[in-house]
Amino acid sequence: MKLEDAVNNWLQIAVVYEARPQDLAAKETKDFFALILEEDHGLKNVRYERDPFEYTVFFEKDGKEQQLKFQRVLIEKLLEDIESEPKYNQ
């Protein structure tokens, strides 16, 4: 899996888990992608910030601080889909 795809997947589920901290499946999935980021891509200290238009993911790779940016509307789509599905909201 490409680095940008792995970070995107981690970010989407991290946003879901932040909004739904009782969702254990979201937590497990977030932890799974965090492991991929660490073991497969060597990322450390992964965190994100959001503004009205985008998310910025900050991380260390090879001792250097780096960042990737993602459109907010695309990242929050997974959360919107989950929240609009009745079987996930019982």
PDB file of N, CA and C in Angstrom:
ATOM      1  N   MET A   1       0.846  -1.174   0.000  1.00  0.00           N
ATOM      2  CA  MET A   1       0.000   0.000   0.000  1.00  0.00           C
ATOM      3  C   MET A   1       0.894   1.241   0.000  1.00  0.00           C
ATOM      4  N   LYS A   2       0.585   2.178  -0.872  1.00  0.00           N
ATOM      5  CA  LYS A   2       1.348   3.415  -0.939  1.00  0.00           C
ATOM      6  C   LYS A   2       1.197   4.212   0.356  1.00  0.00           C
ATOM      7  N   LEU A   3       2.214   4.993   0.670  1.00  0.00           N
ATOM      8  CA  LEU A   3       2.197   5.807   1.883  1.00  0.00           C
ATOM      9  C   LEU A   3       0.964   6.710   1.930  1.00  0.00           C
ATOM     10  N   GLU A   4       0.698   7.439   0.866  1.00  0.00           N
ATOM     11  CA  GLU A   4      -0.432   8.368   0.876  1.00  0.00           C
ATOM     12  C   GLU A   4      -1.761   7.638   1.084  1.00  0.00           C
ATOM     13  N   ASP A   5      -1.914   6.465   0.493  1.00  0.00           N
ATOM     14  CA  ASP A   5      -3.139   5.683   0.685  1.00  0.00           C
ATOM     15  C   ASP A   5      -3.267   5.211   2.129  1.00  0.00           C
ATOM     16  N   ALA A   6      -2.173   4.772   2.711  1.00  0.00           N
ATOM     17  CA  ALA A   6      -2.200   4.300   4.096  1.00  0.00           C
ATOM     18  C   ALA A   6      -2.525   5.443   5.053  1.00  0.00           C
ATOM     19  N   VAL A   7      -1.932   6.609   4.819  1.00  0.00           N
ATOM     20  CA  VAL A   7      -2.223   7.766   5.672  1.00  0.00           C
ATOM     21  C   VAL A   7      -3.684   8.184   5.501  1.00  0.00           C
ATOM     22  N   ASN A   8      -4.167   8.191   4.268  1.00  0.00           N
ATOM     23  CA  ASN A   8      -5.565   8.532   4.007  1.00  0.00           C
ATOM     24  C   ASN A   8      -6.507   7.584   4.754  1.00  0.00           C
ATOM     25  N   ASN A   9      -6.244   6.282   4.673  1.00  0.00           N
ATOM     26  CA  ASN A   9      -7.091   5.303   5.365  1.00  0.00           C
ATOM     27  C   ASN A   9      -7.046   5.502   6.877  1.00  0.00           C
ATOM     28  N   TRP A  10      -5.845   5.712   7.404  1.00  0.00           N
ATOM     29  CA  TRP A  10      -5.722   5.947   8.845  1.00  0.00           C
ATOM     30  C   TRP A  10      -6.489   7.201   9.248  1.00  0.00           C
ATOM     31  N   LEU A  11      -6.348   8.255   8.478  1.00  0.00           N
ATOM     32  CA  LEU A  11      -7.010   9.519   8.812  1.00  0.00           C
ATOM     33  C   LEU A  11      -8.523   9.379   8.772  1.00  0.00           C
ATOM     34  N   GLN A  12      -9.053   8.738   7.749  1.00  0.00           N
ATOM     35  CA  GLN A  12     -10.508   8.574   7.665  1.00  0.00           C
ATOM     36  C   GLN A  12     -11.055   7.854   8.900  1.00  0.00           C
ATOM     37  N   ILE A  13     -10.422   6.768   9.290  1.00  0.00           N
ATOM     38  CA  ILE A  13     -10.935   6.008  10.429  1.00  0.00           C
ATOM     39  C   ILE A  13     -10.622   6.705  11.743  1.00  0.00           C
ATOM     40  N   ALA A  14      -9.536   7.473  11.806  1.00  0.00           N
ATOM     41  CA  ALA A  14      -9.251   8.253  13.015  1.00  0.00           C
ATOM     42  C   ALA A  14     -10.344   9.296  13.234  1.00  0.00           C
ATOM     43  N   VAL A  15     -10.815   9.912  12.162  1.00  0.00           N
ATOM     44  CA  VAL A  15     -11.898  10.891  12.253  1.00  0.00           C
ATOM     45  C   VAL A  15     -13.186  10.209  12.707  1.00  0.00           C
ATOM     46  N   VAL A  16     -13.444   9.012  12.188  1.00  0.00           N
ATOM     47  CA  VAL A  16     -14.622   8.250  12.624  1.00  0.00           C
ATOM     48  C   VAL A  16     -14.511   7.944  14.112  1.00  0.00           C
ATOM     49  N   TYR A  17     -13.373   7.454  14.539  1.00  0.00           N
ATOM     50  CA  TYR A  17     -13.204   7.088  15.951  1.00  0.00           C
ATOM     51  C   TYR A  17     -13.290   8.309  16.861  1.00  0.00           C
ATOM     52  N   GLU A  18     -12.766   9.433  16.423  1.00  0.00           N
ATOM     53  CA  GLU A  18     -12.871  10.652  17.224  1.00  0.00           C
ATOM     54  C   GLU A  18     -14.337  11.036  17.433  1.00  0.00           C
ATOM     55  N   ALA A  19     -15.147  10.880  16.397  1.00  0.00           N
ATOM     56  CA  ALA A  19     -16.566  11.223  16.487  1.00  0.00           C
ATOM     57  C   ALA A  19     -17.388  10.151  17.203  1.00  0.00           C
ATOM     58  N   ARG A  20     -16.878   8.911  17.192  1.00  0.00           N
ATOM     59  CA  ARG A  20     -17.622   7.772  17.752  1.00  0.00           C
ATOM     60  C   ARG A  20     -16.707   6.953  18.667  1.00  0.00           C
ATOM     61  N   PRO A  21     -16.279   7.511  19.791  1.00  0.00           N
ATOM     62  CA  PRO A  21     -15.309   6.809  20.644  1.00  0.00           C
ATOM     63  C   PRO A  21     -15.823   5.488  21.226  1.00  0.00           C
ATOM     64  N   GLN A  22     -17.124   5.263  21.189  1.00  0.00           N
ATOM     65  CA  GLN A  22     -17.692   3.996  21.657  1.00  0.00           C
ATOM     66  C   GLN A  22     -17.605   2.904  20.594  1.00  0.00           C
ATOM     67  N   ASP A  23     -17.228   3.255  19.378  1.00  0.00           N
ATOM     68  CA  ASP A  23     -17.183   2.332  18.242  1.00  0.00           C
ATOM     69  C   ASP A  23     -15.874   1.540  18.284  1.00  0.00           C
ATOM     70  N   LEU A  24     -15.950   0.344  18.838  1.00  0.00           N
ATOM     71  CA  LEU A  24     -14.753  -0.474  19.006  1.00  0.00           C
ATOM     72  C   LEU A  24     -14.180  -0.940  17.662  1.00  0.00           C
ATOM     73  N   ALA A  25     -15.032  -1.163  16.676  1.00  0.00           N
ATOM     74  CA  ALA A  25     -14.542  -1.550  15.347  1.00  0.00           C
ATOM     75  C   ALA A  25     -13.709  -0.417  14.746  1.00  0.00           C
ATOM     76  N   ALA A  26     -14.143   0.812  14.951  1.00  0.00           N
ATOM     77  CA  ALA A  26     -13.383   1.960  14.452  1.00  0.00           C
ATOM     78  C   ALA A  26     -12.027   2.033  15.154  1.00  0.00           C
ATOM     79  N   LYS A  27     -12.019   1.787  16.459  1.00  0.00           N
ATOM     80  CA  LYS A  27     -10.748   1.818  17.204  1.00  0.00           C
ATOM     81  C   LYS A  27      -9.790   0.750  16.701  1.00  0.00           C
ATOM     82  N   GLU A  28     -10.319  -0.468  16.522  1.00  0.00           N
ATOM     83  CA  GLU A  28      -9.469  -1.565  16.046  1.00  0.00           C
ATOM     84  C   GLU A  28      -8.931  -1.278  14.647  1.00  0.00           C
ATOM     85  N   THR A  29      -9.753  -0.713  13.787  1.00  0.00           N
ATOM     86  CA  THR A  29      -9.323  -0.392  12.427  1.00  0.00           C
ATOM     87  C   THR A  29      -8.292   0.722  12.444  1.00  0.00           C
ATOM     88  N   LYS A  30      -8.505   1.729  13.279  1.00  0.00           N
ATOM     89  CA  LYS A  30      -7.534   2.821  13.419  1.00  0.00           C
ATOM     90  C   LYS A  30      -6.189   2.264  13.891  1.00  0.00           C
ATOM     91  N   ASP A  31      -6.221   1.386  14.886  1.00  0.00           N
ATOM     92  CA  ASP A  31      -4.988   0.785  15.400  1.00  0.00           C
ATOM     93  C   ASP A  31      -4.290  -0.055  14.329  1.00  0.00           C
ATOM     94  N   PHE A  32      -5.074  -0.753  13.502  1.00  0.00           N
ATOM     95  CA  PHE A  32      -4.521  -1.557  12.416  1.00  0.00           C
ATOM     96  C   PHE A  32      -3.762  -0.670  11.422  1.00  0.00           C
ATOM     97  N   PHE A  33      -4.393   0.432  11.016  1.00  0.00           N
ATOM     98  CA  PHE A  33      -3.729   1.327  10.072  1.00  0.00           C
ATOM     99  C   PHE A  33      -2.533   2.040  10.711  1.00  0.00           C
ATOM    100  N   ALA A  34      -2.615   2.328  11.996  1.00  0.00           N
ATOM    101  CA  ALA A  34      -1.465   2.930  12.688  1.00  0.00           C
ATOM    102  C   ALA A  34      -0.281   1.973  12.652  1.00  0.00           C
ATOM    103  N   LEU A  35      -0.546   0.689  12.798  1.00  0.00           N
ATOM    104  CA  LEU A  35       0.508  -0.318  12.729  1.00  0.00           C
ATOM    105  C   LEU A  35       1.127  -0.374  11.326  1.00  0.00           C
ATOM    106  N   ILE A  36       0.300  -0.272  10.310  1.00  0.00           N
ATOM    107  CA  ILE A  36       0.812  -0.229   8.931  1.00  0.00           C
ATOM    108  C   ILE A  36       1.709   0.994   8.742  1.00  0.00           C
ATOM    109  N   LEU A  37       1.268   2.137   9.247  1.00  0.00           N
ATOM    110  CA  LEU A  37       2.073   3.347   9.113  1.00  0.00           C
ATOM    111  C   LEU A  37       3.431   3.187   9.789  1.00  0.00           C
ATOM    112  N   GLU A  38       3.413   2.563  10.951  1.00  0.00           N
ATOM    113  CA  GLU A  38       4.657   2.387  11.701  1.00  0.00           C
ATOM    114  C   GLU A  38       5.555   1.302  11.096  1.00  0.00           C
ATOM    115  N   GLU A  39       4.986   0.125  10.881  1.00  0.00           N
ATOM    116  CA  GLU A  39       5.809  -1.016  10.467  1.00  0.00           C
ATOM    117  C   GLU A  39       6.164  -0.990   8.976  1.00  0.00           C
ATOM    118  N   ASP A  40       5.209  -0.641   8.130  1.00  0.00           N
ATOM    119  CA  ASP A  40       5.460  -0.692   6.687  1.00  0.00           C
ATOM    120  C   ASP A  40       6.109   0.583   6.149  1.00  0.00           C
ATOM    121  N   HIS A  41       5.820   1.706   6.802  1.00  0.00           N
ATOM    122  CA  HIS A  41       6.294   2.985   6.270  1.00  0.00           C
ATOM    123  C   HIS A  41       7.250   3.726   7.201  1.00  0.00           C
ATOM    124  N   GLY A  42       7.467   3.223   8.402  1.00  0.00           N
ATOM    125  CA  GLY A  42       8.429   3.823   9.322  1.00  0.00           C
ATOM    126  C   GLY A  42       8.017   5.179   9.883  1.00  0.00           C
ATOM    127  N   LEU A  43       6.705   5.427   9.972  1.00  0.00           N
ATOM    128  CA  LEU A  43       6.248   6.715  10.486  1.00  0.00           C
ATOM    129  C   LEU A  43       6.188   6.704  12.000  1.00  0.00           C
ATOM    130  N   LYS A  44       6.482   7.853  12.580  1.00  0.00           N
ATOM    131  CA  LYS A  44       6.410   8.039  14.028  1.00  0.00           C
ATOM    132  C   LYS A  44       5.668   9.336  14.308  1.00  0.00           C
ATOM    133  N   ASN A  45       5.101   9.417  15.506  1.00  0.00           N
ATOM    134  CA  ASN A  45       4.428  10.633  15.984  1.00  0.00           C
ATOM    135  C   ASN A  45       3.404  11.164  14.980  1.00  0.00           C
ATOM    136  N   VAL A  46       2.544  10.279  14.514  1.00  0.00           N
ATOM    137  CA  VAL A  46       1.524  10.659  13.533  1.00  0.00           C
ATOM    138  C   VAL A  46       0.385  11.379  14.258  1.00  0.00           C
ATOM    139  N   ARG A  47       0.013  12.525  13.721  1.00  0.00           N
ATOM    140  CA  ARG A  47      -1.086  13.301  14.287  1.00  0.00           C
ATOM    141  C   ARG A  47      -1.703  14.134  13.168  1.00  0.00           C
ATOM    142  N   TYR A  48      -2.884  14.675  13.450  1.00  0.00           N
ATOM    143  CA  TYR A  48      -3.513  15.492  12.420  1.00  0.00           C
ATOM    144  C   TYR A  48      -4.146  16.739  13.007  1.00  0.00           C
ATOM    145  N   GLU A  49      -4.324  17.703  12.124  1.00  0.00           N
ATOM    146  CA  GLU A  49      -5.041  18.936  12.435  1.00  0.00           C
ATOM    147  C   GLU A  49      -6.022  19.179  11.304  1.00  0.00           C
ATOM    148  N   ARG A  50      -7.113  19.853  11.625  1.00  0.00           N
ATOM    149  CA  ARG A  50      -8.085  20.176  10.583  1.00  0.00           C
ATOM    150  C   ARG A  50      -8.347  21.666  10.577  1.00  0.00           C
ATOM    151  N   ASP A  51      -8.660  22.162   9.406  1.00  0.00           N
ATOM    152  CA  ASP A  51      -9.121  23.538   9.269  1.00  0.00           C
ATOM    153  C   ASP A  51     -10.417  23.461   8.456  1.00  0.00           C
ATOM    154  N   PRO A  52     -11.025  24.558   8.111  1.00  0.00           N
ATOM    155  CA  PRO A  52     -12.315  24.479   7.408  1.00  0.00           C
ATOM    156  C   PRO A  52     -12.272  23.754   6.058  1.00  0.00           C
ATOM    157  N   PHE A  53     -11.102  23.588   5.472  1.00  0.00           N
ATOM    158  CA  PHE A  53     -11.025  23.035   4.129  1.00  0.00           C
ATOM    159  C   PHE A  53     -10.248  21.735   3.996  1.00  0.00           C
ATOM    160  N   GLU A  54      -9.329  21.481   4.925  1.00  0.00           N
ATOM    161  CA  GLU A  54      -8.486  20.304   4.766  1.00  0.00           C
ATOM    162  C   GLU A  54      -7.985  19.779   6.103  1.00  0.00           C
ATOM    163  N   TYR A  55      -7.484  18.568   6.017  1.00  0.00           N
ATOM    164  CA  TYR A  55      -6.763  17.947   7.133  1.00  0.00           C
ATOM    165  C   TYR A  55      -5.298  17.924   6.754  1.00  0.00           C
ATOM    166  N   THR A  56      -4.455  18.179   7.733  1.00  0.00           N
ATOM    167  CA  THR A  56      -3.020  18.038   7.553  1.00  0.00           C
ATOM    168  C   THR A  56      -2.547  16.966   8.525  1.00  0.00           C
ATOM    169  N   VAL A  57      -1.882  15.963   7.993  1.00  0.00           N
ATOM    170  CA  VAL A  57      -1.310  14.889   8.808  1.00  0.00           C
ATOM    171  C   VAL A  57       0.189  15.148   8.910  1.00  0.00           C
ATOM    172  N   PHE A  58       0.659  15.215  10.143  1.00  0.00           N
ATOM    173  CA  PHE A  58       2.073  15.437  10.434  1.00  0.00           C
ATOM    174  C   PHE A  58       2.665  14.119  10.931  1.00  0.00           C
ATOM    175  N   PHE A  59       3.900  13.856  10.541  1.00  0.00           N
ATOM    176  CA  PHE A  59       4.573  12.638  10.993  1.00  0.00           C
ATOM    177  C   PHE A  59       6.071  12.790  10.815  1.00  0.00           C
ATOM    178  N   GLU A  60       6.797  11.918  11.496  1.00  0.00           N
ATOM    179  CA  GLU A  60       8.251  11.837  11.322  1.00  0.00           C
ATOM    180  C   GLU A  60       8.567  10.603  10.498  1.00  0.00           C
ATOM    181  N   LYS A  61       9.428  10.784   9.515  1.00  0.00           N
ATOM    182  CA  LYS A  61       9.912   9.676   8.694  1.00  0.00           C
ATOM    183  C   LYS A  61      11.396   9.914   8.450  1.00  0.00           C
ATOM    184  N   ASP A  62      12.176   8.921   8.767  1.00  0.00           N
ATOM    185  CA  ASP A  62      13.634   9.031   8.608  1.00  0.00           C
ATOM    186  C   ASP A  62      14.184  10.253   9.346  1.00  0.00           C
ATOM    187  N   GLY A  63      13.612  10.539  10.517  1.00  0.00           N
ATOM    188  CA  GLY A  63      14.093  11.632  11.346  1.00  0.00           C
ATOM    189  C   GLY A  63      13.669  13.017  10.903  1.00  0.00           C
ATOM    190  N   LYS A  64      12.839  13.102   9.878  1.00  0.00           N
ATOM    191  CA  LYS A  64      12.401  14.401   9.378  1.00  0.00           C
ATOM    192  C   LYS A  64      10.896  14.552   9.539  1.00  0.00           C
ATOM    193  N   GLU A  65      10.474  15.741   9.942  1.00  0.00           N
ATOM    194  CA  GLU A  65       9.043  16.066  10.032  1.00  0.00           C
ATOM    195  C   GLU A  65       8.513  16.254   8.611  1.00  0.00           C
ATOM    196  N   GLN A  66       7.416  15.574   8.322  1.00  0.00           N
ATOM    197  CA  GLN A  66       6.771  15.693   7.013  1.00  0.00           C
ATOM    198  C   GLN A  66       5.277  15.875   7.217  1.00  0.00           C
ATOM    199  N   GLN A  67       4.598  16.194   6.128  1.00  0.00           N
ATOM    200  CA  GLN A  67       3.151  16.358   6.216  1.00  0.00           C
ATOM    201  C   GLN A  67       2.488  16.013   4.889  1.00  0.00           C
ATOM    202  N   LEU A  68       1.236  15.597   4.992  1.00  0.00           N
ATOM    203  CA  LEU A  68       0.388  15.365   3.830  1.00  0.00           C
ATOM    204  C   LEU A  68      -0.928  16.079   4.090  1.00  0.00           C
ATOM    205  N   LYS A  69      -1.531  16.594   3.036  1.00  0.00           N
ATOM    206  CA  LYS A  69      -2.801  17.314   3.152  1.00  0.00           C
ATOM    207  C   LYS A  69      -3.881  16.563   2.381  1.00  0.00           C
ATOM    208  N   PHE A  70      -5.100  16.599   2.948  1.00  0.00           N
ATOM    209  CA  PHE A  70      -6.241  15.917   2.362  1.00  0.00           C
ATOM    210  C   PHE A  70      -7.464  16.830   2.437  1.00  0.00           C
ATOM    211  N   GLN A  71      -8.289  16.796   1.407  1.00  0.00           N
ATOM    212  CA  GLN A  71      -9.511  17.597   1.416  1.00  0.00           C
ATOM    213  C   GLN A  71     -10.446  17.109   2.510  1.00  0.00           C
ATOM    214  N   ARG A  72     -10.946  18.038   3.282  1.00  0.00           N
ATOM    215  CA  ARG A  72     -11.807  17.701   4.418  1.00  0.00           C
ATOM    216  C   ARG A  72     -13.055  16.936   3.981  1.00  0.00           C
ATOM    217  N   VAL A  73     -13.675  17.371   2.911  1.00  0.00           N
ATOM    218  CA  VAL A  73     -14.909  16.729   2.468  1.00  0.00           C
ATOM    219  C   VAL A  73     -14.682  15.252   2.120  1.00  0.00           C
ATOM    220  N   LEU A  74     -13.530  14.917   1.555  1.00  0.00           N
ATOM    221  CA  LEU A  74     -13.246  13.529   1.199  1.00  0.00           C
ATOM    222  C   LEU A  74     -12.947  12.684   2.434  1.00  0.00           C
ATOM    223  N   ILE A  75     -12.238  13.245   3.384  1.00  0.00           N
ATOM    224  CA  ILE A  75     -11.909  12.509   4.606  1.00  0.00           C
ATOM    225  C   ILE A  75     -13.161  12.240   5.434  1.00  0.00           C
ATOM    226  N   GLU A  76     -14.054  13.190   5.513  1.00  0.00           N
ATOM    227  CA  GLU A  76     -15.243  13.049   6.358  1.00  0.00           C
ATOM    228  C   GLU A  76     -16.365  12.248   5.696  1.00  0.00           C
ATOM    229  N   LYS A  77     -16.182  11.833   4.451  1.00  0.00           N
ATOM    230  CA  LYS A  77     -17.203  11.057   3.747  1.00  0.00           C
ATOM    231  C   LYS A  77     -17.470   9.726   4.436  1.00  0.00           C
ATOM    232  N   LEU A  78     -16.444   9.054   4.903  1.00  0.00           N
ATOM    233  CA  LEU A  78     -16.645   7.769   5.587  1.00  0.00           C
ATOM    234  C   LEU A  78     -17.508   7.961   6.829  1.00  0.00           C
ATOM    235  N   LEU A  79     -17.237   8.971   7.620  1.00  0.00           N
ATOM    236  CA  LEU A  79     -18.043   9.241   8.805  1.00  0.00           C
ATOM    237  C   LEU A  79     -19.491   9.525   8.416  1.00  0.00           C
ATOM    238  N   GLU A  80     -19.695  10.327   7.396  1.00  0.00           N
ATOM    239  CA  GLU A  80     -21.057  10.626   6.936  1.00  0.00           C
ATOM    240  C   GLU A  80     -21.779   9.354   6.501  1.00  0.00           C
ATOM    241  N   ASP A  81     -21.081   8.485   5.774  1.00  0.00           N
ATOM    242  CA  ASP A  81     -21.686   7.231   5.328  1.00  0.00           C
ATOM    243  C   ASP A  81     -22.070   6.344   6.504  1.00  0.00           C
ATOM    244  N   ILE A  82     -21.200   6.242   7.481  1.00  0.00           N
ATOM    245  CA  ILE A  82     -21.491   5.424   8.665  1.00  0.00           C
ATOM    246  C   ILE A  82     -22.661   6.008   9.442  1.00  0.00           C
ATOM    247  N   GLU A  83     -22.657   7.295   9.635  1.00  0.00           N
ATOM    248  CA  GLU A  83     -23.716   7.927  10.422  1.00  0.00           C
ATOM    249  C   GLU A  83     -25.070   7.883   9.722  1.00  0.00           C
ATOM    250  N   SER A  84     -25.077   7.757   8.402  1.00  0.00           N
ATOM    251  CA  SER A  84     -26.349   7.712   7.674  1.00  0.00           C
ATOM    252  C   SER A  84     -26.878   6.290   7.514  1.00  0.00           C
ATOM    253  N   GLU A  85     -26.121   5.313   7.969  1.00  0.00           N
ATOM    254  CA  GLU A  85     -26.521   3.906   7.853  1.00  0.00           C
ATOM    255  C   GLU A  85     -27.140   3.440   9.173  1.00  0.00           C
ATOM    256  N   PRO A  86     -28.453   3.184   9.182  1.00  0.00           N
ATOM    257  CA  PRO A  86     -29.121   2.822  10.443  1.00  0.00           C
ATOM    258  C   PRO A  86     -28.512   1.622  11.178  1.00  0.00           C
ATOM    259  N   LYS A  87     -28.027   0.628  10.446  1.00  0.00           N
ATOM    260  CA  LYS A  87     -27.498  -0.562  11.144  1.00  0.00           C
ATOM    261  C   LYS A  87     -26.264  -0.277  11.970  1.00  0.00           C
ATOM    262  N   TYR A  88     -25.578   0.847  11.717  1.00  0.00           N
ATOM    263  CA  TYR A  88     -24.399   1.225  12.497  1.00  0.00           C
ATOM    264  C   TYR A  88     -24.733   2.183  13.624  1.00  0.00           C
ATOM    265  N   ASN A  89     -25.999   2.513  13.771  1.00  0.00           N
ATOM    266  CA  ASN A  89     -26.385   3.530  14.744  1.00  0.00           C
ATOM    267  C   ASN A  89     -27.491   3.073  15.677  1.00  0.00           C
ATOM    268  N   GLN A  90     -27.491   1.812  16.001  1.00  0.00           N
ATOM    269  CA  GLN A  90     -28.527   1.286  16.902  1.00  0.00           C
ATOM    270  C   GLN A  90     -28.066   1.306  18.324  1.00  0.00           C
TER     271      GLN A  90
END
